[in-house]
PDB file of N, CA and C in Angstrom:
ATOM      1  N   MET A   1      16.320   8.536   6.768  1.00  0.00           N
ATOM      2  CA  MET A   1      16.438   7.434   5.845  1.00  0.00           C
ATOM      3  C   MET A   1      16.162   7.953   4.444  1.00  0.00           C
ATOM      4  N   ASN A   2      16.717   7.282   3.465  1.00  0.00           N
ATOM      5  CA  ASN A   2      16.501   7.691   2.079  1.00  0.00           C
ATOM      6  C   ASN A   2      15.032   7.593   1.731  1.00  0.00           C
ATOM      7  N   LYS A   3      14.588   8.478   0.838  1.00  0.00           N
ATOM      8  CA  LYS A   3      13.193   8.483   0.420  1.00  0.00           C
ATOM      9  C   LYS A   3      12.859   7.238  -0.398  1.00  0.00           C
ATOM     10  N   LYS A   4      13.812   6.807  -1.264  1.00  0.00           N
ATOM     11  CA  LYS A   4      13.531   5.630  -2.083  1.00  0.00           C
ATOM     12  C   LYS A   4      13.605   4.369  -1.226  1.00  0.00           C
ATOM     13  N   ALA A   5      12.808   3.396  -1.594  1.00  0.00           N
ATOM     14  CA  ALA A   5      12.786   2.143  -0.845  1.00  0.00           C
ATOM     15  C   ALA A   5      14.120   1.425  -0.999  1.00  0.00           C
ATOM     16  N   VAL A   6      14.665   1.016   0.112  1.00  0.00           N
ATOM     17  CA  VAL A   6      15.937   0.295   0.109  1.00  0.00           C
ATOM     18  C   VAL A   6      15.623  -1.191   0.176  1.00  0.00           C
ATOM     19  N   LYS A   7      16.220  -1.948  -0.713  1.00  0.00           N
ATOM     20  CA  LYS A   7      16.041  -3.393  -0.699  1.00  0.00           C
ATOM     21  C   LYS A   7      16.894  -3.986   0.411  1.00  0.00           C
ATOM     22  N   TYR A   8      16.498  -5.160   0.864  1.00  0.00           N
ATOM     23  CA  TYR A   8      17.185  -5.828   1.980  1.00  0.00           C
ATOM     24  C   TYR A   8      18.668  -6.001   1.690  1.00  0.00           C
ATOM     25  N   ARG A   9      18.998  -6.519   0.518  1.00  0.00           N
ATOM     26  CA  ARG A   9      20.400  -6.769   0.165  1.00  0.00           C
ATOM     27  C   ARG A   9      21.193  -5.465   0.162  1.00  0.00           C
ATOM     28  N   GLU A  10      20.589  -4.396  -0.348  1.00  0.00           N
ATOM     29  CA  GLU A  10      21.259  -3.089  -0.359  1.00  0.00           C
ATOM     30  C   GLU A  10      21.523  -2.613   1.063  1.00  0.00           C
ATOM     31  N   ALA A  11      20.542  -2.827   1.944  1.00  0.00           N
ATOM     32  CA  ALA A  11      20.694  -2.416   3.335  1.00  0.00           C
ATOM     33  C   ALA A  11      21.817  -3.187   4.011  1.00  0.00           C
ATOM     34  N   VAL A  12      21.877  -4.483   3.772  1.00  0.00           N
ATOM     35  CA  VAL A  12      22.932  -5.306   4.365  1.00  0.00           C
ATOM     36  C   VAL A  12      24.301  -4.884   3.831  1.00  0.00           C
ATOM     37  N   ASP A  13      24.374  -4.636   2.544  1.00  0.00           N
ATOM     38  CA  ASP A  13      25.646  -4.176   1.959  1.00  0.00           C
ATOM     39  C   ASP A  13      26.074  -2.843   2.561  1.00  0.00           C
ATOM     40  N   GLU A  14      25.113  -1.933   2.716  1.00  0.00           N
ATOM     41  CA  GLU A  14      25.445  -0.636   3.309  1.00  0.00           C
ATOM     42  C   GLU A  14      25.873  -0.799   4.764  1.00  0.00           C
ATOM     43  N   LEU A  15      25.202  -1.689   5.493  1.00  0.00           N
ATOM     44  CA  LEU A  15      25.606  -1.955   6.878  1.00  0.00           C
ATOM     45  C   LEU A  15      27.043  -2.487   6.943  1.00  0.00           C
ATOM     46  N   ASN A  16      27.373  -3.381   6.028  1.00  0.00           N
ATOM     47  CA  ASN A  16      28.743  -3.903   5.987  1.00  0.00           C
ATOM     48  C   ASN A  16      29.752  -2.793   5.701  1.00  0.00           C
ATOM     49  N   ASN A  17      29.391  -1.889   4.802  1.00  0.00           N
ATOM     50  CA  ASN A  17      30.274  -0.759   4.503  1.00  0.00           C
ATOM     51  C   ASN A  17      30.447   0.151   5.711  1.00  0.00           C
ATOM     52  N   ILE A  18      29.348   0.405   6.420  1.00  0.00           N
ATOM     53  CA  ILE A  18      29.414   1.228   7.623  1.00  0.00           C
ATOM     54  C   ILE A  18      30.299   0.564   8.666  1.00  0.00           C
ATOM     55  N   LEU A  19      30.137  -0.729   8.832  1.00  0.00           N
ATOM     56  CA  LEU A  19      30.964  -1.468   9.796  1.00  0.00           C
ATOM     57  C   LEU A  19      32.439  -1.354   9.445  1.00  0.00           C
ATOM     58  N   GLU A  20      32.748  -1.521   8.186  1.00  0.00           N
ATOM     59  CA  GLU A  20      34.138  -1.374   7.746  1.00  0.00           C
ATOM     60  C   GLU A  20      34.654   0.030   8.034  1.00  0.00           C
ATOM     61  N   ASP A  21      33.817   1.041   7.760  1.00  0.00           N
ATOM     62  CA  ASP A  21      34.218   2.423   8.029  1.00  0.00           C
ATOM     63  C   ASP A  21      34.467   2.646   9.517  1.00  0.00           C
ATOM     64  N   LEU A  22      33.567   2.115  10.354  1.00  0.00           N
ATOM     65  CA  LEU A  22      33.709   2.306  11.793  1.00  0.00           C
ATOM     66  C   LEU A  22      34.935   1.589  12.351  1.00  0.00           C
ATOM     67  N   GLN A  23      35.324   0.499  11.718  1.00  0.00           N
ATOM     68  CA  GLN A  23      36.507  -0.235  12.158  1.00  0.00           C
ATOM     69  C   GLN A  23      37.796   0.389  11.636  1.00  0.00           C
ATOM     70  N   SER A  24      37.661   1.262  10.686  1.00  0.00           N
ATOM     71  CA  SER A  24      38.816   1.917  10.080  1.00  0.00           C
ATOM     72  C   SER A  24      39.405   2.935  11.047  1.00  0.00           C
ATOM     73  N   GLU A  25      40.689   3.013  11.054  1.00  0.00           N
ATOM     74  CA  GLU A  25      41.360   3.997  11.892  1.00  0.00           C
ATOM     75  C   GLU A  25      41.316   5.373  11.245  1.00  0.00           C
ATOM     76  N   GLU A  26      40.865   5.441  10.014  1.00  0.00           N
ATOM     77  CA  GLU A  26      40.862   6.691   9.274  1.00  0.00           C
ATOM     78  C   GLU A  26      39.525   7.417   9.325  1.00  0.00           C
ATOM     79  N   ILE A  27      38.533   6.855  10.002  1.00  0.00           N
ATOM     80  CA  ILE A  27      37.209   7.495  10.040  1.00  0.00           C
ATOM     81  C   ILE A  27      37.291   8.792  10.837  1.00  0.00           C
ATOM     82  N   ASP A  28      36.625   9.789  10.311  1.00  0.00           N
ATOM     83  CA  ASP A  28      36.566  11.092  10.962  1.00  0.00           C
ATOM     84  C   ASP A  28      35.591  11.014  12.139  1.00  0.00           C
ATOM     85  N   VAL A  29      35.977  11.540  13.264  1.00  0.00           N
ATOM     86  CA  VAL A  29      35.146  11.492  14.460  1.00  0.00           C
ATOM     87  C   VAL A  29      33.776  12.120  14.205  1.00  0.00           C
ATOM     88  N   ASP A  30      33.732  13.129  13.383  1.00  0.00           N
ATOM     89  CA  ASP A  30      32.469  13.791  13.078  1.00  0.00           C
ATOM     90  C   ASP A  30      31.508  12.884  12.307  1.00  0.00           C
ATOM     91  N   GLU A  31      32.022  11.882  11.650  1.00  0.00           N
ATOM     92  CA  GLU A  31      31.190  10.966  10.864  1.00  0.00           C
ATOM     93  C   GLU A  31      30.620   9.823  11.695  1.00  0.00           C
ATOM     94  N   VAL A  32      31.224   9.527  12.822  1.00  0.00           N
ATOM     95  CA  VAL A  32      30.838   8.352  13.607  1.00  0.00           C
ATOM     96  C   VAL A  32      29.359   8.399  13.982  1.00  0.00           C
ATOM     97  N   SER A  33      28.903   9.506  14.513  1.00  0.00           N
ATOM     98  CA  SER A  33      27.514   9.622  14.939  1.00  0.00           C
ATOM     99  C   SER A  33      26.551   9.406  13.772  1.00  0.00           C
ATOM    100  N   GLU A  34      26.826  10.022  12.638  1.00  0.00           N
ATOM    101  CA  GLU A  34      25.954   9.861  11.479  1.00  0.00           C
ATOM    102  C   GLU A  34      25.950   8.426  10.970  1.00  0.00           C
ATOM    103  N   LYS A  35      27.107   7.796  10.976  1.00  0.00           N
ATOM    104  CA  LYS A  35      27.188   6.402  10.516  1.00  0.00           C
ATOM    105  C   LYS A  35      26.396   5.487  11.444  1.00  0.00           C
ATOM    106  N   VAL A  36      26.502   5.714  12.750  1.00  0.00           N
ATOM    107  CA  VAL A  36      25.772   4.884  13.711  1.00  0.00           C
ATOM    108  C   VAL A  36      24.263   5.108  13.555  1.00  0.00           C
ATOM    109  N   LYS A  37      23.839   6.357  13.369  1.00  0.00           N
ATOM    110  CA  LYS A  37      22.416   6.637  13.146  1.00  0.00           C
ATOM    111  C   LYS A  37      21.909   5.917  11.905  1.00  0.00           C
ATOM    112  N   ARG A  38      22.665   5.971  10.843  1.00  0.00           N
ATOM    113  CA  ARG A  38      22.271   5.299   9.597  1.00  0.00           C
ATOM    114  C   ARG A  38      22.223   3.787   9.796  1.00  0.00           C
ATOM    115  N   ALA A  39      23.190   3.255  10.534  1.00  0.00           N
ATOM    116  CA  ALA A  39      23.211   1.820  10.793  1.00  0.00           C
ATOM    117  C   ALA A  39      21.955   1.389  11.548  1.00  0.00           C
ATOM    118  N   VAL A  40      21.538   2.176  12.530  1.00  0.00           N
ATOM    119  CA  VAL A  40      20.328   1.857  13.288  1.00  0.00           C
ATOM    120  C   VAL A  40      19.107   1.883  12.370  1.00  0.00           C
ATOM    121  N   GLU A  41      19.024   2.869  11.494  1.00  0.00           N
ATOM    122  CA  GLU A  41      17.914   2.925  10.538  1.00  0.00           C
ATOM    123  C   GLU A  41      17.889   1.681   9.659  1.00  0.00           C
ATOM    124  N   LEU A  42      19.059   1.280   9.185  1.00  0.00           N
ATOM    125  CA  LEU A  42      19.138   0.115   8.309  1.00  0.00           C
ATOM    126  C   LEU A  42      18.787  -1.171   9.051  1.00  0.00           C
ATOM    127  N   ILE A  43      19.210  -1.279  10.295  1.00  0.00           N
ATOM    128  CA  ILE A  43      18.887  -2.468  11.098  1.00  0.00           C
ATOM    129  C   ILE A  43      17.379  -2.553  11.305  1.00  0.00           C
ATOM    130  N   LYS A  44      16.745  -1.419  11.612  1.00  0.00           N
ATOM    131  CA  LYS A  44      15.283  -1.400  11.774  1.00  0.00           C
ATOM    132  C   LYS A  44      14.592  -1.805  10.482  1.00  0.00           C
ATOM    133  N   LEU A  45      15.087  -1.295   9.356  1.00  0.00           N
ATOM    134  CA  LEU A  45      14.519  -1.627   8.056  1.00  0.00           C
ATOM    135  C   LEU A  45      14.651  -3.131   7.784  1.00  0.00           C
ATOM    136  N   CYS A  46      15.821  -3.674   8.041  1.00  0.00           N
ATOM    137  CA  CYS A  46      16.043  -5.112   7.814  1.00  0.00           C
ATOM    138  C   CYS A  46      15.140  -5.950   8.710  1.00  0.00           C
ATOM    139  N   ARG A  47      15.027  -5.557   9.958  1.00  0.00           N
ATOM    140  CA  ARG A  47      14.173  -6.290  10.898  1.00  0.00           C
ATOM    141  C   ARG A  47      12.722  -6.267  10.413  1.00  0.00           C
ATOM    142  N   ALA A  48      12.252  -5.110   9.979  1.00  0.00           N
ATOM    143  CA  ALA A  48      10.877  -4.993   9.490  1.00  0.00           C
ATOM    144  C   ALA A  48      10.662  -5.857   8.251  1.00  0.00           C
ATOM    145  N   LYS A  49      11.642  -5.868   7.350  1.00  0.00           N
ATOM    146  CA  LYS A  49      11.516  -6.684   6.145  1.00  0.00           C
ATOM    147  C   LYS A  49      11.485  -8.176   6.482  1.00  0.00           C
ATOM    148  N   ILE A  50      12.320  -8.585   7.426  1.00  0.00           N
ATOM    149  CA  ILE A  50      12.349  -9.997   7.838  1.00  0.00           C
ATOM    150  C   ILE A  50      11.018 -10.381   8.486  1.00  0.00           C
ATOM    151  N   GLU A  51      10.520  -9.531   9.381  1.00  0.00           N
ATOM    152  CA  GLU A  51       9.251  -9.825  10.042  1.00  0.00           C
ATOM    153  C   GLU A  51       8.095  -9.854   9.034  1.00  0.00           C
ATOM    154  N   GLY A  52       8.103  -8.917   8.089  1.00  0.00           N
ATOM    155  CA  GLY A  52       7.067  -8.900   7.062  1.00  0.00           C
ATOM    156  C   GLY A  52       7.105 -10.143   6.195  1.00  0.00           C
ATOM    157  N   THR A  53       8.298 -10.554   5.834  1.00  0.00           N
ATOM    158  CA  THR A  53       8.453 -11.755   5.015  1.00  0.00           C
ATOM    159  C   THR A  53       8.014 -12.989   5.783  1.00  0.00           C
ATOM    160  N   GLU A  54       8.357 -13.045   7.061  1.00  0.00           N
ATOM    161  CA  GLU A  54       7.954 -14.182   7.890  1.00  0.00           C
ATOM    162  C   GLU A  54       6.425 -14.289   7.949  1.00  0.00           C
ATOM    163  N   LEU A  55       5.758 -13.161   8.157  1.00  0.00           N
ATOM    164  CA  LEU A  55       4.291 -13.170   8.200  1.00  0.00           C
ATOM    165  C   LEU A  55       3.705 -13.611   6.869  1.00  0.00           C
ATOM    166  N   GLU A  56       4.276 -13.125   5.790  1.00  0.00           N
ATOM    167  CA  GLU A  56       3.790 -13.486   4.458  1.00  0.00           C
ATOM    168  C   GLU A  56       3.968 -14.984   4.193  1.00  0.00           C
ATOM    169  N   VAL A  57       5.112 -15.522   4.564  1.00  0.00           N
ATOM    170  CA  VAL A  57       5.369 -16.947   4.361  1.00  0.00           C
ATOM    171  C   VAL A  57       4.405 -17.783   5.205  1.00  0.00           C
ATOM    172  N   ARG A  58       4.187 -17.370   6.458  1.00  0.00           N
ATOM    173  CA  ARG A  58       3.241 -18.108   7.307  1.00  0.00           C
ATOM    174  C   ARG A  58       1.843 -18.111   6.695  1.00  0.00           C
ATOM    175  N   LYS A  59       1.432 -16.974   6.146  1.00  0.00           N
ATOM    176  CA  LYS A  59       0.114 -16.875   5.514  1.00  0.00           C
ATOM    177  C   LYS A  59       0.027 -17.818   4.318  1.00  0.00           C
ATOM    178  N   ILE A  60       1.077 -17.839   3.510  1.00  0.00           N
ATOM    179  CA  ILE A  60       1.100 -18.708   2.323  1.00  0.00           C
ATOM    180  C   ILE A  60       1.033 -20.172   2.742  1.00  0.00           C
ATOM    181  N   VAL A  61       1.812 -20.542   3.756  1.00  0.00           N
ATOM    182  CA  VAL A  61       1.817 -21.931   4.225  1.00  0.00           C
ATOM    183  C   VAL A  61       0.449 -22.308   4.780  1.00  0.00           C
ATOM    184  N   LYS A  62      -0.154 -21.407   5.540  1.00  0.00           N
ATOM    185  CA  LYS A  62      -1.487 -21.684   6.104  1.00  0.00           C
ATOM    186  C   LYS A  62      -2.499 -21.886   4.991  1.00  0.00           C
ATOM    187  N   GLU A  63      -2.473 -21.022   3.980  1.00  0.00           N
ATOM    188  CA  GLU A  63      -3.397 -21.167   2.853  1.00  0.00           C
ATOM    189  C   GLU A  63      -3.167 -22.482   2.122  1.00  0.00           C
ATOM    190  N   PHE A  64      -1.910 -22.854   1.968  1.00  0.00           N
ATOM    191  CA  PHE A  64      -1.588 -24.116   1.304  1.00  0.00           C
ATOM    192  C   PHE A  64      -2.121 -25.297   2.113  1.00  0.00           C
ATOM    193  N   GLU A  65      -1.908 -25.255   3.433  1.00  0.00           N
ATOM    194  CA  GLU A  65      -2.385 -26.343   4.287  1.00  0.00           C
ATOM    195  C   GLU A  65      -3.908 -26.450   4.249  1.00  0.00           C
ATOM    196  N   GLU A  66      -4.588 -25.298   4.282  1.00  0.00           N
ATOM    197  CA  GLU A  66      -6.046 -25.309   4.225  1.00  0.00           C
ATOM    198  C   GLU A  66      -6.537 -25.869   2.892  1.00  0.00           C
ATOM    199  N   GLU A  67      -5.865 -25.501   1.813  1.00  0.00           N
ATOM    200  CA  GLU A  67      -6.239 -26.011   0.504  1.00  0.00           C
ATOM    201  C   GLU A  67      -5.986 -27.512   0.415  1.00  0.00           C
ATOM    202  N   SER A  68      -4.893 -27.968   0.988  1.00  0.00           N
ATOM    203  CA  SER A  68      -4.582 -29.390   0.981  1.00  0.00           C
ATOM    204  C   SER A  68      -5.617 -30.171   1.776  1.00  0.00           C
ATOM    205  N   GLU A  69      -6.057 -29.617   2.904  1.00  0.00           N
ATOM    206  CA  GLU A  69      -7.076 -30.287   3.719  1.00  0.00           C
ATOM    207  C   GLU A  69      -8.395 -30.409   2.965  1.00  0.00           C
ATOM    208  N   LYS A  70      -8.750 -29.363   2.215  1.00  0.00           N
ATOM    209  CA  LYS A  70      -9.993 -29.385   1.435  1.00  0.00           C
ATOM    210  C   LYS A  70      -9.917 -30.458   0.353  1.00  0.00           C
ATOM    211  N   ASN A  71      -8.756 -30.564  -0.286  1.00  0.00           N
ATOM    212  CA  ASN A  71      -8.588 -31.513  -1.381  1.00  0.00           C
ATOM    213  C   ASN A  71      -8.467 -32.957  -0.889  1.00  0.00           C
ATOM    214  N   ASN A  72      -7.988 -33.140   0.338  1.00  0.00           N
ATOM    215  CA  ASN A  72      -7.808 -34.489   0.870  1.00  0.00           C
ATOM    216  C   ASN A  72      -8.929 -34.928   1.802  1.00  0.00           C
ATOM    217  N   GLY A  73      -9.765 -34.038   2.103  1.00  0.00           N
ATOM    218  CA  GLY A  73     -10.648 -34.463   3.093  1.00  0.00           C
ATOM    219  C   GLY A  73     -12.022 -34.324   3.176  1.00  0.00           C
TER     220      GLY A  73
END
């Protein structure tokens, strides 16, 4: 995977490009394996970002609910 942090949108765009390449009749057989490996890396990255965001949102909502309970109760 690239050393620099890849943003979610960049990863999705790259995945779409890889998909287009793999569907192309002009793709070189030697490239297929590398493209699939990169796609798997990007999918893992996207999954991790989604899970991290989900946890962060749950934490924010929980803190908000706790604060609301303190103020109302």
